[in-house]
Amino acid sequence: MRTKIHDFLFNPLVIVLIILISSLLTYFTGGMGYIFGMLTALTALWAGKFKWSEFGIEKLNIVRTIIRAIFFALAIFMVIDLLIQPVIENFYGSIDLSALDGIRGNLINYIIFILFMWVVAAFGEEFLYRGFFMKQLAAVMGDTDRAWLLSAVLISALFGLAHLYQGISGVITTGLIGLIFGLIFYRNRMNLVLAMFTHGFYNMIGITLIFLEKDRYLVDLIRTAMS
């Protein structure tokens, strides 16, 4: 039974259908797209008898992976948040982070949200968007380097769409960040954990700045300098 479910969920047509359904649910309902996709991905993992390699996870040097992830996270913050985000916001307005106002100056909420973020965003989103969607869509398209790159672009668009609550600037910015996560996975196809830790450390920078109520300081300073 498990084998049949596994073969069904990894069927190329079914993979495309799952991604399409998740995209539509994300657009019309927001979080339901993530929930549907995650339940499907976890079912696929169970049906494959927890063969993590199907999702790009194999044995790795965890210390080296964490060090590389910290470097990538800092680089993404400097390039996206300090250079690209101000330009995007000049055209489409500020990113709407009002959904995170509850952690501003609130240590308990900050700690709880950090833990929630590592589970749902860092590990959960990378497991779904890169480990399942991107990897399997690349396989559907031929599993070539070009297929992986095209899959990274397409799935990053879906990833950006999942952040529609942040406004147009948020969608574009997170889409670009998702593309970088995808390129990291493209270059390290059996080390999804690297993308997971990069995602987590990058989010920690942003969440900590929101907690300290300094999230707009550098961006607004740069936007003012540009105007």
Protein backbone atom coordinates (compact mmCIF):
# COMPACT_ATOMS: atom_id res chain seq x y z
CA MET A 1 0.00 0.00 0.00
CA ARG A 2 2.75 2.45 0.97
CA THR A 3 4.63 1.67 -2.22
CA LYS A 4 1.58 2.41 -4.34
CA ILE A 5 1.01 5.72 -2.54
CA HIS A 6 4.67 6.59 -3.02
CA ASP A 7 4.61 5.79 -6.73
CA PHE A 8 1.40 7.79 -7.15
CA LEU A 9 2.71 10.89 -5.36
CA PHE A 10 5.98 10.83 -7.33
CA ASN A 11 4.24 10.39 -10.66
CA PRO A 12 5.29 13.34 -12.90
CA LEU A 13 1.71 14.38 -13.68
CA VAL A 14 0.71 14.17 -10.03
CA ILE A 15 3.74 16.26 -9.01
CA VAL A 16 2.71 19.01 -11.43
CA LEU A 17 -0.90 18.80 -10.22
CA ILE A 18 0.16 19.04 -6.57
CA ILE A 19 2.24 22.14 -7.29
CA LEU A 20 -0.65 23.73 -9.23
CA ILE A 21 -3.15 23.01 -6.44
CA SER A 22 -0.76 24.37 -3.83
CA SER A 23 -0.24 27.51 -5.95
CA LEU A 24 -3.98 28.12 -6.31
CA LEU A 25 -4.63 27.51 -2.61
CA THR A 26 -1.77 29.87 -1.74
CA TYR A 27 -3.18 32.62 -3.95
CA PHE A 28 -6.79 32.32 -2.80
CA THR A 29 -6.39 31.23 0.83
CA GLY A 30 -2.79 31.95 1.84
CA GLY A 31 -1.67 29.38 4.39
CA MET A 32 -3.78 26.52 3.04
CA GLY A 33 -1.37 26.13 0.12
CA TYR A 34 1.48 25.48 2.54
CA ILE A 35 -0.60 23.11 4.66
CA PHE A 36 -1.77 21.11 1.63
CA GLY A 37 1.75 20.91 0.24
CA MET A 38 3.32 19.95 3.56
CA LEU A 39 0.77 17.21 4.24
CA THR A 40 1.41 15.83 0.76
CA ALA A 41 5.20 15.99 1.18
CA LEU A 42 5.07 14.30 4.59
CA THR A 43 2.80 11.60 3.17
CA ALA A 44 5.32 11.07 0.35
CA LEU A 45 8.12 10.82 2.92
CA TRP A 46 6.16 8.25 4.93
CA ALA A 47 5.18 6.29 1.81
CA GLY A 48 8.85 6.15 0.77
CA LYS A 49 9.71 4.68 4.18
CA PHE A 50 11.43 7.88 5.24
CA LYS A 51 14.01 7.85 2.48
CA TRP A 52 15.32 11.35 3.15
CA SER A 53 17.59 11.26 0.10
CA GLU A 54 14.49 11.69 -2.08
CA PHE A 55 14.23 15.16 -0.57
CA GLY A 56 17.92 16.01 -0.88
CA ILE A 57 18.98 15.07 2.65
CA GLU A 58 21.94 12.75 3.19
CA LYS A 59 24.76 12.44 5.72
CA LEU A 60 26.73 15.65 6.01
CA ASN A 61 29.33 17.57 7.99
CA ILE A 62 26.94 19.50 10.22
CA VAL A 63 29.53 21.95 11.58
CA ARG A 64 30.75 22.90 8.09
CA THR A 65 27.14 23.18 6.92
CA ILE A 66 26.21 25.56 9.75
CA ILE A 67 29.27 27.75 9.15
CA ARG A 68 28.47 27.99 5.43
CA ALA A 69 24.82 28.74 6.23
CA ILE A 70 25.77 31.64 8.52
CA PHE A 71 27.97 33.07 5.77
CA PHE A 72 25.19 32.72 3.17
CA ALA A 73 22.61 34.27 5.52
CA LEU A 74 24.77 37.33 6.18
CA ALA A 75 25.50 37.70 2.46
CA ILE A 76 21.79 37.49 1.58
CA PHE A 77 20.96 40.10 4.22
CA MET A 78 23.58 42.52 2.93
CA VAL A 79 22.66 42.08 -0.73
CA ILE A 80 18.87 41.78 -0.54
CA ASP A 81 17.92 43.80 2.54
CA LEU A 82 20.49 46.58 2.21
CA LEU A 83 20.87 46.90 -1.56
CA ILE A 84 17.88 45.47 -3.42
CA GLN A 85 14.97 45.89 -0.99
CA PRO A 86 15.25 49.72 -0.85
CA VAL A 87 15.06 49.86 -4.65
CA ILE A 88 12.01 47.59 -4.76
CA GLU A 89 10.27 49.60 -2.03
CA ASN A 90 10.85 52.83 -3.96
CA PHE A 91 8.64 51.42 -6.71
CA TYR A 92 6.09 49.31 -4.81
CA GLY A 93 6.02 50.69 -1.27
CA SER A 94 7.32 49.35 2.02
CA ILE A 95 7.08 45.68 2.87
CA ASP A 96 4.13 45.07 5.20
CA LEU A 97 5.44 43.30 8.31
CA SER A 98 2.53 44.30 10.54
CA ALA A 99 1.75 40.60 11.08
CA LEU A 100 4.93 40.46 13.19
CA ASP A 101 4.18 43.49 15.36
CA GLY A 102 3.50 41.20 18.31
CA ILE A 103 7.20 40.43 18.74
CA ARG A 104 8.33 44.08 18.87
CA GLY A 105 9.93 44.57 22.29
CA ASN A 106 8.28 41.40 23.61
CA LEU A 107 10.94 38.86 24.63
CA ILE A 108 8.53 35.96 25.23
CA ASN A 109 6.82 36.38 21.86
CA TYR A 110 10.22 36.78 20.23
CA ILE A 111 11.52 33.47 21.63
CA ILE A 112 8.30 31.63 20.76
CA PHE A 113 8.33 33.02 17.24
CA ILE A 114 12.00 32.09 16.74
CA LEU A 115 11.18 28.47 17.63
CA PHE A 116 8.09 28.54 15.42
CA MET A 117 10.13 29.99 12.56
CA TRP A 118 12.80 27.29 12.70
CA VAL A 119 10.18 24.54 12.52
CA VAL A 120 7.67 26.00 10.05
CA ALA A 121 9.80 28.31 7.90
CA ALA A 122 13.43 27.20 7.97
CA PHE A 123 12.90 23.44 8.00
CA GLY A 124 9.29 23.26 6.86
CA GLU A 125 9.38 25.62 3.89
CA GLU A 126 12.72 24.31 2.63
CA PHE A 127 11.52 20.72 2.96
CA LEU A 128 8.41 21.58 0.94
CA TYR A 129 9.49 24.21 -1.60
CA ARG A 130 13.02 23.03 -2.32
CA GLY A 131 13.17 19.41 -1.10
CA PHE A 132 9.85 18.33 -2.60
CA PHE A 133 8.56 20.85 -5.14
CA MET A 134 11.82 22.03 -6.68
CA LYS A 135 13.60 18.67 -6.67
CA GLN A 136 10.66 16.75 -8.10
CA LEU A 137 9.76 19.39 -10.67
CA ALA A 138 13.38 19.33 -11.87
CA ALA A 139 13.09 15.54 -12.19
CA VAL A 140 9.86 15.95 -14.20
CA MET A 141 11.67 18.30 -16.59
CA GLY A 142 14.59 15.93 -17.17
CA ASP A 143 16.81 16.32 -14.08
CA THR A 144 19.38 18.34 -16.04
CA ASP A 145 21.16 21.46 -14.79
CA ARG A 146 18.83 23.57 -16.92
CA ALA A 147 15.82 21.77 -15.46
CA TRP A 148 17.05 22.46 -11.93
CA LEU A 149 17.58 26.14 -12.68
CA LEU A 150 14.15 26.51 -14.29
CA SER A 151 12.58 24.68 -11.37
CA ALA A 152 14.37 27.03 -8.94
CA VAL A 153 12.90 30.04 -10.74
CA LEU A 154 9.35 28.64 -10.89
CA ILE A 155 9.27 27.50 -7.27
CA SER A 156 10.76 30.79 -6.06
CA ALA A 157 7.77 32.53 -7.69
CA LEU A 158 5.44 30.27 -5.71
CA PHE A 159 7.49 30.94 -2.58
CA GLY A 160 7.12 34.68 -3.13
CA LEU A 161 3.37 34.29 -3.68
CA ALA A 162 3.11 32.60 -0.27
CA HIS A 163 4.16 35.95 1.24
CA LEU A 164 1.40 37.97 -0.44
CA TYR A 165 0.36 39.31 2.97
CA GLN A 166 3.56 41.39 2.90
CA GLY A 167 2.41 43.33 -0.17
CA ILE A 168 3.95 43.48 -3.64
CA SER A 169 7.38 44.45 -2.31
CA GLY A 170 7.27 41.49 0.06
CA VAL A 171 6.32 39.08 -2.72
CA ILE A 172 9.16 40.28 -4.97
CA THR A 173 11.75 40.34 -2.18
CA THR A 174 10.89 36.93 -0.77
CA GLY A 175 10.72 35.56 -4.30
CA LEU A 176 14.31 36.70 -4.85
CA ILE A 177 15.36 35.26 -1.51
CA GLY A 178 13.62 32.00 -2.40
CA LEU A 179 15.55 31.95 -5.67
CA ILE A 180 18.81 32.26 -3.75
CA PHE A 181 17.77 29.37 -1.49
CA GLY A 182 16.97 27.43 -4.66
CA LEU A 183 20.39 28.18 -6.16
CA ILE A 184 22.05 27.04 -2.94
CA PHE A 185 20.14 23.76 -3.21
CA TYR A 186 20.94 23.56 -6.93
CA ARG A 187 24.65 23.69 -6.08
CA ASN A 188 24.26 21.29 -3.13
CA ARG A 189 21.59 18.87 -4.31
CA MET A 190 22.02 16.33 -1.53
CA ASN A 191 22.41 18.90 1.24
CA LEU A 192 19.01 20.48 1.68
CA VAL A 193 20.02 21.08 5.30
CA LEU A 194 22.34 23.85 4.07
CA ALA A 195 19.36 25.72 2.60
CA MET A 196 17.37 25.04 5.78
CA PHE A 197 20.02 26.55 8.05
CA THR A 198 20.62 29.46 5.67
CA HIS A 199 16.88 30.18 5.72
CA GLY A 200 16.77 29.96 9.50
CA PHE A 201 19.78 32.17 10.19
CA TYR A 202 18.62 34.74 7.63
CA ASN A 203 15.17 34.88 9.24
CA MET A 204 16.76 35.23 12.68
CA ILE A 205 18.49 38.42 11.56
CA GLY A 206 15.20 39.93 10.40
CA ILE A 207 13.17 38.74 13.39
CA THR A 208 15.79 40.04 15.84
CA LEU A 209 15.78 43.46 14.16
CA ILE A 210 11.97 43.54 14.41
CA PHE A 211 12.19 42.60 18.12
CA LEU A 212 14.68 45.44 18.63
CA GLU A 213 12.43 47.71 16.50
CA LYS A 214 15.37 48.41 14.18
CA ASP A 215 14.06 46.58 11.11
CA ARG A 216 13.36 49.78 9.19
CA TYR A 217 16.36 51.79 10.32
CA LEU A 218 18.93 50.76 7.70
CA VAL A 219 16.41 50.34 4.86
CA ASP A 220 14.87 53.77 5.44
CA LEU A 221 18.33 55.32 5.79
CA ILE A 222 19.36 53.86 2.42
CA ARG A 223 16.06 54.86 0.78
CA THR A 224 16.55 58.42 2.02
CA ALA A 225 20.09 58.47 0.65
CA MET A 226 18.79 57.24 -2.73
CA SER A 227 16.07 59.91 -3.00
